[in-house]
PDB file of N, CA and C in Angstrom:
ATOM      1  N   MET A   1       1.244  -0.809  -9.828  1.00  0.00           N
ATOM      2  CA  MET A   1       2.674  -0.901  -9.648  1.00  0.00           C
ATOM      3  C   MET A   1       3.300   0.304 -10.340  1.00  0.00           C
ATOM      4  N   GLU A   2       4.334   0.816  -9.727  1.00  0.00           N
ATOM      5  CA  GLU A   2       5.014   1.996 -10.251  1.00  0.00           C
ATOM      6  C   GLU A   2       6.517   1.802 -10.077  1.00  0.00           C
ATOM      7  N   LYS A   3       7.262   2.111 -11.129  1.00  0.00           N
ATOM      8  CA  LYS A   3       8.720   2.024 -11.048  1.00  0.00           C
ATOM      9  C   LYS A   3       9.293   3.406 -10.763  1.00  0.00           C
ATOM     10  N   SER A   4      10.415   3.420 -10.032  1.00  0.00           N
ATOM     11  CA  SER A   4      11.098   4.681  -9.775  1.00  0.00           C
ATOM     12  C   SER A   4      11.705   5.195 -11.081  1.00  0.00           C
ATOM     13  N   ALA A   5      12.107   6.431 -11.088  1.00  0.00           N
ATOM     14  CA  ALA A   5      12.646   7.067 -12.301  1.00  0.00           C
ATOM     15  C   ALA A   5      13.849   6.312 -12.860  1.00  0.00           C
ATOM     16  N   ASP A   6      14.699   5.778 -11.974  1.00  0.00           N
ATOM     17  CA  ASP A   6      15.880   5.049 -12.452  1.00  0.00           C
ATOM     18  C   ASP A   6      15.562   3.581 -12.751  1.00  0.00           C
ATOM     19  N   GLY A   7      14.330   3.129 -12.454  1.00  0.00           N
ATOM     20  CA  GLY A   7      13.907   1.771 -12.768  1.00  0.00           C
ATOM     21  C   GLY A   7      14.390   0.707 -11.805  1.00  0.00           C
ATOM     22  N   ARG A   8      15.062   1.102 -10.744  1.00  0.00           N
ATOM     23  CA  ARG A   8      15.609   0.116  -9.798  1.00  0.00           C
ATOM     24  C   ARG A   8      14.603  -0.319  -8.736  1.00  0.00           C
ATOM     25  N   LEU A   9      13.713   0.565  -8.371  1.00  0.00           N
ATOM     26  CA  LEU A   9      12.761   0.274  -7.306  1.00  0.00           C
ATOM     27  C   LEU A   9      11.355   0.164  -7.871  1.00  0.00           C
ATOM     28  N   ILE A  10      10.553  -0.698  -7.246  1.00  0.00           N
ATOM     29  CA  ILE A  10       9.158  -0.879  -7.638  1.00  0.00           C
ATOM     30  C   ILE A  10       8.287  -0.598  -6.412  1.00  0.00           C
ATOM     31  N   TYR A  11       7.200   0.126  -6.634  1.00  0.00           N
ATOM     32  CA  TYR A  11       6.271   0.448  -5.554  1.00  0.00           C
ATOM     33  C   TYR A  11       4.862  -0.003  -5.918  1.00  0.00           C
ATOM     34  N   ALA A  12       4.145  -0.483  -4.924  1.00  0.00           N
ATOM     35  CA  ALA A  12       2.708  -0.711  -5.062  1.00  0.00           C
ATOM     36  C   ALA A  12       2.051   0.574  -4.574  1.00  0.00           C
ATOM     37  N   VAL A  13       1.235   1.169  -5.403  1.00  0.00           N
ATOM     38  CA  VAL A  13       0.621   2.452  -5.066  1.00  0.00           C
ATOM     39  C   VAL A  13      -0.900   2.340  -5.092  1.00  0.00           C
ATOM     40  N   GLY A  14      -1.534   3.178  -4.311  1.00  0.00           N
ATOM     41  CA  GLY A  14      -2.990   3.205  -4.262  1.00  0.00           C
ATOM     42  C   GLY A  14      -3.456   4.314  -3.346  1.00  0.00           C
ATOM     43  N   THR A  15      -4.750   4.371  -3.132  1.00  0.00           N
ATOM     44  CA  THR A  15      -5.346   5.427  -2.329  1.00  0.00           C
ATOM     45  C   THR A  15      -6.284   4.839  -1.296  1.00  0.00           C
ATOM     46  N   VAL A  16      -6.178   5.353  -0.073  1.00  0.00           N
ATOM     47  CA  VAL A  16      -7.090   5.002   1.009  1.00  0.00           C
ATOM     48  C   VAL A  16      -7.805   6.290   1.406  1.00  0.00           C
ATOM     49  N   ARG A  17      -9.114   6.215   1.555  1.00  0.00           N
ATOM     50  CA  ARG A  17      -9.897   7.388   1.945  1.00  0.00           C
ATOM     51  C   ARG A  17     -10.505   7.166   3.326  1.00  0.00           C
ATOM     52  N   ASN A  18     -10.366   8.182   4.166  1.00  0.00           N
ATOM     53  CA  ASN A  18     -11.015   8.186   5.477  1.00  0.00           C
ATOM     54  C   ASN A  18     -12.371   8.859   5.298  1.00  0.00           C
ATOM     55  N   SER A  19     -13.416   8.069   5.172  1.00  0.00           N
ATOM     56  CA  SER A  19     -14.744   8.625   4.943  1.00  0.00           C
ATOM     57  C   SER A  19     -15.488   8.919   6.243  1.00  0.00           C
ATOM     58  N   SER A  20     -14.798   8.764   7.367  1.00  0.00           N
ATOM     59  CA  SER A  20     -15.425   9.052   8.662  1.00  0.00           C
ATOM     60  C   SER A  20     -15.274  10.543   8.997  1.00  0.00           C
ATOM     61  N   ASP A  21     -15.889  10.936  10.115  1.00  0.00           N
ATOM     62  CA  ASP A  21     -15.801  12.327  10.549  1.00  0.00           C
ATOM     63  C   ASP A  21     -14.792  12.511  11.684  1.00  0.00           C
ATOM     64  N   HIS A  22     -13.885  11.536  11.856  1.00  0.00           N
ATOM     65  CA  HIS A  22     -12.837  11.679  12.873  1.00  0.00           C
ATOM     66  C   HIS A  22     -11.502  11.158  12.345  1.00  0.00           C
ATOM     67  N   GLU A  23     -10.417  11.631  12.973  1.00  0.00           N
ATOM     68  CA  GLU A  23      -9.076  11.239  12.554  1.00  0.00           C
ATOM     69  C   GLU A  23      -8.839   9.753  12.808  1.00  0.00           C
ATOM     70  N   ARG A  24      -8.000   9.177  11.977  1.00  0.00           N
ATOM     71  CA  ARG A  24      -7.529   7.809  12.169  1.00  0.00           C
ATOM     72  C   ARG A  24      -6.032   7.881  12.429  1.00  0.00           C
ATOM     73  N   PHE A  25      -5.570   7.132  13.419  1.00  0.00           N
ATOM     74  CA  PHE A  25      -4.171   7.194  13.823  1.00  0.00           C
ATOM     75  C   PHE A  25      -3.478   5.864  13.574  1.00  0.00           C
ATOM     76  N   GLY A  26      -2.242   5.937  13.073  1.00  0.00           N
ATOM     77  CA  GLY A  26      -1.441   4.737  12.856  1.00  0.00           C
ATOM     78  C   GLY A  26      -2.061   3.807  11.832  1.00  0.00           C
ATOM     79  N   VAL A  27      -2.388   4.334  10.661  1.00  0.00           N
ATOM     80  CA  VAL A  27      -3.037   3.530   9.625  1.00  0.00           C
ATOM     81  C   VAL A  27      -1.967   2.779   8.822  1.00  0.00           C
ATOM     82  N   LYS A  28      -2.167   1.466   8.682  1.00  0.00           N
ATOM     83  CA  LYS A  28      -1.209   0.610   7.976  1.00  0.00           C
ATOM     84  C   LYS A  28      -1.942  -0.224   6.933  1.00  0.00           C
ATOM     85  N   VAL A  29      -1.408  -0.232   5.714  1.00  0.00           N
ATOM     86  CA  VAL A  29      -1.943  -1.108   4.672  1.00  0.00           C
ATOM     87  C   VAL A  29      -0.972  -2.271   4.493  1.00  0.00           C
ATOM     88  N   ASP A  30      -1.542  -3.473   4.396  1.00  0.00           N
ATOM     89  CA  ASP A  30      -0.788  -4.692   4.096  1.00  0.00           C
ATOM     90  C   ASP A  30      -1.243  -5.160   2.722  1.00  0.00           C
ATOM     91  N   LEU A  31      -0.279  -5.393   1.850  1.00  0.00           N
ATOM     92  CA  LEU A  31      -0.577  -5.796   0.478  1.00  0.00           C
ATOM     93  C   LEU A  31       0.034  -7.148   0.166  1.00  0.00           C
ATOM     94  N   ASP A  32      -0.699  -7.959  -0.589  1.00  0.00           N
ATOM     95  CA  ASP A  32      -0.143  -9.178  -1.157  1.00  0.00           C
ATOM     96  C   ASP A  32       0.449  -8.817  -2.510  1.00  0.00           C
ATOM     97  N   VAL A  33       1.688  -9.197  -2.745  1.00  0.00           N
ATOM     98  CA  VAL A  33       2.358  -8.938  -4.016  1.00  0.00           C
ATOM     99  C   VAL A  33       2.233 -10.196  -4.872  1.00  0.00           C
ATOM    100  N   LEU A  34       1.760 -10.017  -6.100  1.00  0.00           N
ATOM    101  CA  LEU A  34       1.458 -11.138  -6.984  1.00  0.00           C
ATOM    102  C   LEU A  34       2.318 -11.103  -8.242  1.00  0.00           C
ATOM    103  N   ASP A  35       2.588 -12.291  -8.801  1.00  0.00           N
ATOM    104  CA  ASP A  35       3.316 -12.371 -10.067  1.00  0.00           C
ATOM    105  C   ASP A  35       2.321 -12.277 -11.230  1.00  0.00           C
ATOM    106  N   HIS A  36       2.810 -12.494 -12.432  1.00  0.00           N
ATOM    107  CA  HIS A  36       1.963 -12.376 -13.625  1.00  0.00           C
ATOM    108  C   HIS A  36       0.847 -13.419 -13.666  1.00  0.00           C
ATOM    109  N   GLU A  37       1.018 -14.540 -12.969  1.00  0.00           N
ATOM    110  CA  GLU A  37      -0.017 -15.574 -12.938  1.00  0.00           C
ATOM    111  C   GLU A  37      -1.010 -15.380 -11.800  1.00  0.00           C
ATOM    112  N   GLY A  38      -0.772 -14.351 -10.977  1.00  0.00           N
ATOM    113  CA  GLY A  38      -1.664 -14.097  -9.847  1.00  0.00           C
ATOM    114  C   GLY A  38      -1.304 -14.834  -8.581  1.00  0.00           C
ATOM    115  N   ASP A  39      -0.131 -15.474  -8.564  1.00  0.00           N
ATOM    116  CA  ASP A  39       0.335 -16.191  -7.372  1.00  0.00           C
ATOM    117  C   ASP A  39       1.040 -15.219  -6.432  1.00  0.00           C
ATOM    118  N   LYS A  40       0.798 -15.397  -5.139  1.00  0.00           N
ATOM    119  CA  LYS A  40       1.445 -14.538  -4.141  1.00  0.00           C
ATOM    120  C   LYS A  40       2.930 -14.855  -4.069  1.00  0.00           C
ATOM    121  N   ILE A  41       3.748 -13.817  -4.203  1.00  0.00           N
ATOM    122  CA  ILE A  41       5.199 -14.000  -4.145  1.00  0.00           C
ATOM    123  C   ILE A  41       5.838 -13.153  -3.044  1.00  0.00           C
ATOM    124  N   GLY A  42       5.023 -12.391  -2.338  1.00  0.00           N
ATOM    125  CA  GLY A  42       5.557 -11.562  -1.267  1.00  0.00           C
ATOM    126  C   GLY A  42       4.500 -10.644  -0.699  1.00  0.00           C
ATOM    127  N   SER A  43       4.975  -9.687   0.078  1.00  0.00           N
ATOM    128  CA  SER A  43       4.064  -8.722   0.680  1.00  0.00           C
ATOM    129  C   SER A  43       4.752  -7.368   0.743  1.00  0.00           C
ATOM    130  N   ALA A  44       3.958  -6.349   0.955  1.00  0.00           N
ATOM    131  CA  ALA A  44       4.470  -4.984   1.078  1.00  0.00           C
ATOM    132  C   ALA A  44       3.555  -4.231   2.039  1.00  0.00           C
ATOM    133  N   THR A  45       4.101  -3.226   2.705  1.00  0.00           N
ATOM    134  CA  THR A  45       3.304  -2.431   3.644  1.00  0.00           C
ATOM    135  C   THR A  45       3.654  -0.959   3.513  1.00  0.00           C
ATOM    136  N   ASP A  46       2.734  -0.127   3.944  1.00  0.00           N
ATOM    137  CA  ASP A  46       2.989   1.296   4.106  1.00  0.00           C
ATOM    138  C   ASP A  46       2.196   1.764   5.312  1.00  0.00           C
ATOM    139  N   TYR A  47       2.589   2.919   5.838  1.00  0.00           N
ATOM    140  CA  TYR A  47       2.062   3.399   7.105  1.00  0.00           C
ATOM    141  C   TYR A  47       1.971   4.911   7.077  1.00  0.00           C
ATOM    142  N   THR A  48       0.924   5.449   7.671  1.00  0.00           N
ATOM    143  CA  THR A  48       0.837   6.890   7.890  1.00  0.00           C
ATOM    144  C   THR A  48       0.415   7.121   9.333  1.00  0.00           C
ATOM    145  N   GLN A  49       0.942   8.160   9.945  1.00  0.00           N
ATOM    146  CA  GLN A  49       0.643   8.425  11.352  1.00  0.00           C
ATOM    147  C   GLN A  49      -0.786   8.898  11.565  1.00  0.00           C
ATOM    148  N   VAL A  50      -1.256   9.789  10.681  1.00  0.00           N
ATOM    149  CA  VAL A  50      -2.596  10.351  10.841  1.00  0.00           C
ATOM    150  C   VAL A  50      -3.276  10.432   9.487  1.00  0.00           C
ATOM    151  N   LEU A  51      -4.551  10.058   9.458  1.00  0.00           N
ATOM    152  CA  LEU A  51      -5.374  10.232   8.264  1.00  0.00           C
ATOM    153  C   LEU A  51      -6.576  11.065   8.689  1.00  0.00           C
ATOM    154  N   GLU A  52      -6.606  12.304   8.202  1.00  0.00           N
ATOM    155  CA  GLU A  52      -7.637  13.266   8.589  1.00  0.00           C
ATOM    156  C   GLU A  52      -9.011  12.856   8.056  1.00  0.00           C
ATOM    157  N   PRO A  53     -10.082  13.344   8.701  1.00  0.00           N
ATOM    158  CA  PRO A  53     -11.439  13.037   8.234  1.00  0.00           C
ATOM    159  C   PRO A  53     -11.658  13.513   6.797  1.00  0.00           C
ATOM    160  N   GLU A  54     -12.336  12.681   6.017  1.00  0.00           N
ATOM    161  CA  GLU A  54     -12.689  13.000   4.630  1.00  0.00           C
ATOM    162  C   GLU A  54     -11.482  13.286   3.730  1.00  0.00           C
ATOM    163  N   LYS A  55     -10.310  12.786   4.102  1.00  0.00           N
ATOM    164  CA  LYS A  55      -9.091  12.986   3.305  1.00  0.00           C
ATOM    165  C   LYS A  55      -8.623  11.666   2.718  1.00  0.00           C
ATOM    166  N   GLU A  56      -7.773  11.760   1.699  1.00  0.00           N
ATOM    167  CA  GLU A  56      -7.192  10.584   1.072  1.00  0.00           C
ATOM    168  C   GLU A  56      -5.708  10.496   1.380  1.00  0.00           C
ATOM    169  N   TRP A  57      -5.232   9.289   1.466  1.00  0.00           N
ATOM    170  CA  TRP A  57      -3.801   9.008   1.643  1.00  0.00           C
ATOM    171  C   TRP A  57      -3.364   8.194   0.440  1.00  0.00           C
ATOM    172  N   LYS A  58      -2.383   8.701  -0.276  1.00  0.00           N
ATOM    173  CA  LYS A  58      -1.824   7.993  -1.421  1.00  0.00           C
ATOM    174  C   LYS A  58      -0.614   7.205  -0.921  1.00  0.00           C
ATOM    175  N   PHE A  59      -0.842   5.919  -0.665  1.00  0.00           N
ATOM    176  CA  PHE A  59       0.247   5.091  -0.137  1.00  0.00           C
ATOM    177  C   PHE A  59       1.186   4.654  -1.257  1.00  0.00           C
ATOM    178  N   ARG A  60       2.404   4.318  -0.833  1.00  0.00           N
ATOM    179  CA  ARG A  60       3.460   3.907  -1.759  1.00  0.00           C
ATOM    180  C   ARG A  60       4.335   2.894  -1.028  1.00  0.00           C
ATOM    181  N   ALA A  61       4.065   1.612  -1.250  1.00  0.00           N
ATOM    182  CA  ALA A  61       4.737   0.534  -0.527  1.00  0.00           C
ATOM    183  C   ALA A  61       5.842  -0.067  -1.378  1.00  0.00           C
ATOM    184  N   LEU A  62       7.041  -0.130  -0.827  1.00  0.00           N
ATOM    185  CA  LEU A  62       8.177  -0.697  -1.541  1.00  0.00           C
ATOM    186  C   LEU A  62       7.992  -2.194  -1.756  1.00  0.00           C
ATOM    187  N   VAL A  63       8.196  -2.637  -2.999  1.00  0.00           N
ATOM    188  CA  VAL A  63       8.097  -4.052  -3.372  1.00  0.00           C
ATOM    189  C   VAL A  63       9.514  -4.553  -3.634  1.00  0.00           C
ATOM    190  N   THR A  64       9.883  -5.658  -3.006  1.00  0.00           N
ATOM    191  CA  THR A  64      11.267  -6.129  -3.113  1.00  0.00           C
ATOM    192  C   THR A  64      11.466  -7.202  -4.180  1.00  0.00           C
ATOM    193  N   ASP A  65      10.404  -7.810  -4.667  1.00  0.00           N
ATOM    194  CA  ASP A  65      10.532  -8.870  -5.675  1.00  0.00           C
ATOM    195  C   ASP A  65      10.353  -8.292  -7.069  1.00  0.00           C
ATOM    196  N   ARG A  66      11.358  -8.417  -7.902  1.00  0.00           N
ATOM    197  CA  ARG A  66      11.320  -7.834  -9.249  1.00  0.00           C
ATOM    198  C   ARG A  66      10.342  -8.551 -10.188  1.00  0.00           C
ATOM    199  N   LYS A  67       9.843  -9.734  -9.775  1.00  0.00           N
ATOM    200  CA  LYS A  67       8.855 -10.457 -10.582  1.00  0.00           C
ATOM    201  C   LYS A  67       7.433  -9.951 -10.328  1.00  0.00           C
ATOM    202  N   ALA A  68       7.286  -8.984  -9.447  1.00  0.00           N
ATOM    203  CA  ALA A  68       5.961  -8.487  -9.075  1.00  0.00           C
ATOM    204  C   ALA A  68       5.256  -7.856 -10.273  1.00  0.00           C
ATOM    205  N   ALA A  69       3.989  -8.221 -10.426  1.00  0.00           N
ATOM    206  CA  ALA A  69       3.174  -7.684 -11.518  1.00  0.00           C
ATOM    207  C   ALA A  69       2.009  -6.853 -10.996  1.00  0.00           C
ATOM    208  N   GLN A  70       1.537  -7.192  -9.796  1.00  0.00           N
ATOM    209  CA  GLN A  70       0.412  -6.471  -9.224  1.00  0.00           C
ATOM    210  C   GLN A  70       0.390  -6.659  -7.716  1.00  0.00           C
ATOM    211  N   ALA A  71      -0.434  -5.855  -7.065  1.00  0.00           N
ATOM    212  CA  ALA A  71      -0.597  -5.978  -5.617  1.00  0.00           C
ATOM    213  C   ALA A  71      -2.084  -5.923  -5.296  1.00  0.00           C
ATOM    214  N   LYS A  72      -2.443  -6.632  -4.229  1.00  0.00           N
ATOM    215  CA  LYS A  72      -3.835  -6.703  -3.803  1.00  0.00           C
ATOM    216  C   LYS A  72      -3.888  -6.376  -2.316  1.00  0.00           C
ATOM    217  N   LEU A  73      -4.863  -5.564  -1.917  1.00  0.00           N
ATOM    218  CA  LEU A  73      -5.022  -5.211  -0.512  1.00  0.00           C
ATOM    219  C   LEU A  73      -5.344  -6.455   0.297  1.00  0.00           C
ATOM    220  N   ALA A  74      -4.529  -6.730   1.309  1.00  0.00           N
ATOM    221  CA  ALA A  74      -4.760  -7.875   2.181  1.00  0.00           C
ATOM    222  C   ALA A  74      -5.442  -7.428   3.478  1.00  0.00           C
ATOM    223  N   ASP A  75      -5.028  -6.244   3.981  1.00  0.00           N
ATOM    224  CA  ASP A  75      -5.568  -5.772   5.254  1.00  0.00           C
ATOM    225  C   ASP A  75      -5.271  -4.289   5.423  1.00  0.00           C
ATOM    226  N   ILE A  76      -6.120  -3.635   6.172  1.00  0.00           N
ATOM    227  CA  ILE A  76      -5.876  -2.252   6.569  1.00  0.00           C
ATOM    228  C   ILE A  76      -6.226  -2.162   8.053  1.00  0.00           C
ATOM    229  N   LYS A  77      -5.306  -1.581   8.825  1.00  0.00           N
ATOM    230  CA  LYS A  77      -5.463  -1.544  10.272  1.00  0.00           C
ATOM    231  C   LYS A  77      -5.212  -0.149  10.803  1.00  0.00           C
ATOM    232  N   GLU A  78      -5.800   0.113  11.953  1.00  0.00           N
ATOM    233  CA  GLU A  78      -5.519   1.333  12.688  1.00  0.00           C
ATOM    234  C   GLU A  78      -4.988   0.940  14.058  1.00  0.00           C
ATOM    235  N   GLU A  79      -3.845   1.523  14.440  1.00  0.00           N
ATOM    236  CA  GLU A  79      -3.281   1.228  15.754  1.00  0.00           C
ATOM    237  C   GLU A  79      -4.156   1.854  16.825  1.00  0.00           C
ATOM    238  N   ASN A  80      -4.223   1.218  17.968  1.00  0.00           N
ATOM    239  CA  ASN A  80      -5.002   1.755  19.086  1.00  0.00           C
ATOM    240  C   ASN A  80      -4.103   2.268  20.172  1.00  0.00           C
TER     241      ASN A  80
END
């Protein structure tokens, strides 16, 4: 979890790596947002149009619940 400089916004951040030898298109991460007890209190998503082969994408998904303590990867998809 990362707070913006002014402290008003919270982001779930992480890295996805394309370890294949071809481009991935329309990559979307779905995250479960958890409170301090580990209970799911919401979700967050981020999207990139293209993820090049052997490259990393540093996603940054906006979290809307101020009680959020952590995020867990729920799903990662590629659009067809």
